[in-house]
Amino acid sequence: MAGRNPAEAGRPCIVKLVWTRPASIDRKEIRKYIAQDNPAAAMTLDELFSERAGRLTDHPGLGRPGRVAGTRELVAHQNYILVYDVTGDLVRVLRILHAARKSNHTELL
């Protein structure tokens, strides 16, 4: 193929990252909660979520297999896990969960 970078041969081509409504709500609630005490830390954490999720477009297998079949989990921060799935050329961030939360996650997805 002319014009294609040989280093990209065989690499999955993820073209779109989508934050689902539940994940967007989680993100907003986390930012709001942290901002009560430290607005700068809230923005820094939110930027970290964006940066870590953005890596998934080039490396969709970056996270570990999820606790719910068909999902993966990426530790975005010591306290927060991005739960996502990959379908074709789409990475969907499904939820952002607190790492200390004791649940099997099925009721959350």
C-alpha atoms as a PDB file:
ATOM      1  CA  MET A   1       0.000   0.000   0.000  1.00  0.00           C
ATOM      2  CA  ALA A   2       1.462   3.275  -1.046  1.00  0.00           C
ATOM      3  CA  GLY A   3       1.719   5.905   1.642  1.00  0.00           C
ATOM      4  CA  ARG A   4       1.112   3.553   4.553  1.00  0.00           C
ATOM      5  CA  ASN A   5       3.645   3.502   7.349  1.00  0.00           C
ATOM      6  CA  PRO A   6       5.079  -0.040   7.628  1.00  0.00           C
ATOM      7  CA  ALA A   7       5.230   0.331  11.419  1.00  0.00           C
ATOM      8  CA  GLU A   8       1.435   0.515  11.406  1.00  0.00           C
ATOM      9  CA  ALA A   9       0.948  -2.705   9.439  1.00  0.00           C
ATOM     10  CA  GLY A  10      -1.233  -5.112  11.378  1.00  0.00           C
ATOM     11  CA  ARG A  11      -2.063  -2.486  13.980  1.00  0.00           C
ATOM     12  CA  PRO A  12      -5.770  -2.007  14.728  1.00  0.00           C
ATOM     13  CA  CYS A  13      -7.116   1.237  13.353  1.00  0.00           C
ATOM     14  CA  ILE A  14      -9.272   2.817  16.027  1.00  0.00           C
ATOM     15  CA  VAL A  15     -10.699   5.988  14.617  1.00  0.00           C
ATOM     16  CA  LYS A  16     -13.132   7.153  17.245  1.00  0.00           C
ATOM     17  CA  LEU A  17     -13.322   7.487  21.016  1.00  0.00           C
ATOM     18  CA  VAL A  18     -16.763   7.945  22.569  1.00  0.00           C
ATOM     19  CA  TRP A  19     -17.659   8.786  26.142  1.00  0.00           C
ATOM     20  CA  THR A  20     -21.053   7.202  26.854  1.00  0.00           C
ATOM     21  CA  ARG A  21     -23.638   9.191  28.783  1.00  0.00           C
ATOM     22  CA  PRO A  22     -23.021   7.227  32.030  1.00  0.00           C
ATOM     23  CA  ALA A  23     -19.251   7.790  31.711  1.00  0.00           C
ATOM     24  CA  SER A  24     -19.772  11.501  31.044  1.00  0.00           C
ATOM     25  CA  ILE A  25     -22.013  11.748  34.104  1.00  0.00           C
ATOM     26  CA  ASP A  26     -19.408   9.903  36.226  1.00  0.00           C
ATOM     27  CA  ARG A  27     -16.743  12.304  34.993  1.00  0.00           C
ATOM     28  CA  LYS A  28     -18.841  15.364  35.792  1.00  0.00           C
ATOM     29  CA  GLU A  29     -19.760  14.080  39.265  1.00  0.00           C
ATOM     30  CA  ILE A  30     -16.140  13.254  40.116  1.00  0.00           C
ATOM     31  CA  ARG A  31     -15.000  16.695  38.958  1.00  0.00           C
ATOM     32  CA  LYS A  32     -17.801  18.388  40.938  1.00  0.00           C
ATOM     33  CA  TYR A  33     -17.042  16.415  44.117  1.00  0.00           C
ATOM     34  CA  ILE A  34     -13.294  17.095  44.047  1.00  0.00           C
ATOM     35  CA  ALA A  35     -13.780  20.756  43.080  1.00  0.00           C
ATOM     36  CA  GLN A  36     -15.583  21.379  46.376  1.00  0.00           C
ATOM     37  CA  ASP A  37     -12.202  21.161  48.108  1.00  0.00           C
ATOM     38  CA  ASN A  38      -9.724  21.724  45.301  1.00  0.00           C
ATOM     39  CA  PRO A  39     -10.873  23.087  41.914  1.00  0.00           C
ATOM     40  CA  ALA A  40      -7.379  22.846  40.405  1.00  0.00           C
ATOM     41  CA  ALA A  41      -7.070  19.164  41.362  1.00  0.00           C
ATOM     42  CA  ALA A  42     -10.500  18.505  39.854  1.00  0.00           C
ATOM     43  CA  MET A  43      -9.420  19.956  36.510  1.00  0.00           C
ATOM     44  CA  THR A  44      -6.092  18.115  36.604  1.00  0.00           C
ATOM     45  CA  LEU A  45      -7.859  14.800  37.232  1.00  0.00           C
ATOM     46  CA  ASP A  46     -10.359  15.478  34.457  1.00  0.00           C
ATOM     47  CA  GLU A  47      -7.501  16.205  32.049  1.00  0.00           C
ATOM     48  CA  LEU A  48      -5.863  12.948  33.151  1.00  0.00           C
ATOM     49  CA  PHE A  49      -9.068  11.054  32.295  1.00  0.00           C
ATOM     50  CA  SER A  50      -9.006  12.617  28.811  1.00  0.00           C
ATOM     51  CA  GLU A  51      -5.340  11.862  28.288  1.00  0.00           C
ATOM     52  CA  ARG A  52      -5.594   8.231  29.419  1.00  0.00           C
ATOM     53  CA  ALA A  53      -8.750   7.588  27.384  1.00  0.00           C
ATOM     54  CA  GLY A  54      -7.093   9.187  24.367  1.00  0.00           C
ATOM     55  CA  ARG A  55      -4.306   6.600  24.503  1.00  0.00           C
ATOM     56  CA  LEU A  56      -6.903   3.911  23.849  1.00  0.00           C
ATOM     57  CA  THR A  57      -7.392   5.051  20.264  1.00  0.00           C
ATOM     58  CA  ASP A  58      -3.875   3.860  19.422  1.00  0.00           C
ATOM     59  CA  HIS A  59      -3.616   1.110  22.041  1.00  0.00           C
ATOM     60  CA  PRO A  60      -7.078  -0.386  22.698  1.00  0.00           C
ATOM     61  CA  GLY A  61      -5.594  -3.367  24.527  1.00  0.00           C
ATOM     62  CA  LEU A  62      -3.815  -1.134  27.041  1.00  0.00           C
ATOM     63  CA  GLY A  63      -6.163  -1.998  29.902  1.00  0.00           C
ATOM     64  CA  ARG A  64      -6.674  -5.347  31.581  1.00  0.00           C
ATOM     65  CA  PRO A  65      -9.619  -7.637  30.809  1.00  0.00           C
ATOM     66  CA  GLY A  66     -12.666  -6.292  32.631  1.00  0.00           C
ATOM     67  CA  ARG A  67     -14.729  -7.930  35.331  1.00  0.00           C
ATOM     68  CA  VAL A  68     -17.708  -7.805  32.976  1.00  0.00           C
ATOM     69  CA  ALA A  69     -17.411  -9.897  29.808  1.00  0.00           C
ATOM     70  CA  GLY A  70     -16.509  -7.864  26.755  1.00  0.00           C
ATOM     71  CA  THR A  71     -15.064  -4.952  28.714  1.00  0.00           C
ATOM     72  CA  ARG A  72     -11.585  -3.780  29.593  1.00  0.00           C
ATOM     73  CA  GLU A  73     -10.389  -1.679  32.537  1.00  0.00           C
ATOM     74  CA  LEU A  74      -7.685   0.964  32.499  1.00  0.00           C
ATOM     75  CA  VAL A  75      -6.353   2.415  35.740  1.00  0.00           C
ATOM     76  CA  ALA A  76      -6.456   6.126  34.950  1.00  0.00           C
ATOM     77  CA  HIS A  77      -5.465   7.210  38.468  1.00  0.00           C
ATOM     78  CA  GLN A  78      -4.770   5.291  41.658  1.00  0.00           C
ATOM     79  CA  ASN A  79      -8.401   5.888  42.671  1.00  0.00           C
ATOM     80  CA  TYR A  80     -10.209   5.656  39.319  1.00  0.00           C
ATOM     81  CA  ILE A  81     -10.712   3.004  36.662  1.00  0.00           C
ATOM     82  CA  LEU A  82     -11.965   3.636  33.131  1.00  0.00           C
ATOM     83  CA  VAL A  83     -14.232   0.780  32.035  1.00  0.00           C
ATOM     84  CA  TYR A  84     -14.391   0.552  28.244  1.00  0.00           C
ATOM     85  CA  ASP A  85     -15.112  -1.710  25.318  1.00  0.00           C
ATOM     86  CA  VAL A  86     -13.855  -1.934  21.769  1.00  0.00           C
ATOM     87  CA  THR A  87     -16.132  -2.661  18.821  1.00  0.00           C
ATOM     88  CA  GLY A  88     -14.687  -2.463  15.329  1.00  0.00           C
ATOM     89  CA  ASP A  89     -13.143   0.996  14.976  1.00  0.00           C
ATOM     90  CA  LEU A  90     -14.821   2.384  18.095  1.00  0.00           C
ATOM     91  CA  VAL A  91     -13.603   2.642  21.697  1.00  0.00           C
ATOM     92  CA  ARG A  92     -16.428   3.419  24.131  1.00  0.00           C
ATOM     93  CA  VAL A  93     -15.677   4.593  27.660  1.00  0.00           C
ATOM     94  CA  LEU A  94     -18.590   3.054  29.565  1.00  0.00           C
ATOM     95  CA  ARG A  95     -17.988   4.238  33.138  1.00  0.00           C
ATOM     96  CA  ILE A  96     -15.420   5.743  35.486  1.00  0.00           C
ATOM     97  CA  LEU A  97     -15.413   3.801  38.736  1.00  0.00           C
ATOM     98  CA  HIS A  98     -13.724   4.449  42.058  1.00  0.00           C
ATOM     99  CA  ALA A  99     -11.071   1.777  42.571  1.00  0.00           C
ATOM    100  CA  ALA A 100     -12.148   1.118  46.166  1.00  0.00           C
ATOM    101  CA  ARG A 101     -15.763   0.438  45.241  1.00  0.00           C
ATOM    102  CA  LYS A 102     -16.666  -3.141  46.057  1.00  0.00           C
ATOM    103  CA  SER A 103     -18.914  -4.360  43.276  1.00  0.00           C
ATOM    104  CA  ASN A 104     -18.940  -6.787  40.415  1.00  0.00           C
ATOM    105  CA  HIS A 105     -19.686  -3.833  38.094  1.00  0.00           C
ATOM    106  CA  THR A 106     -22.493  -5.641  36.262  1.00  0.00           C
ATOM    107  CA  GLU A 107     -25.171  -3.450  37.823  1.00  0.00           C
ATOM    108  CA  LEU A 108     -23.190  -0.362  36.897  1.00  0.00           C
ATOM    109  CA  LEU A 109     -22.915  -1.069  33.193  1.00  0.00           C
END
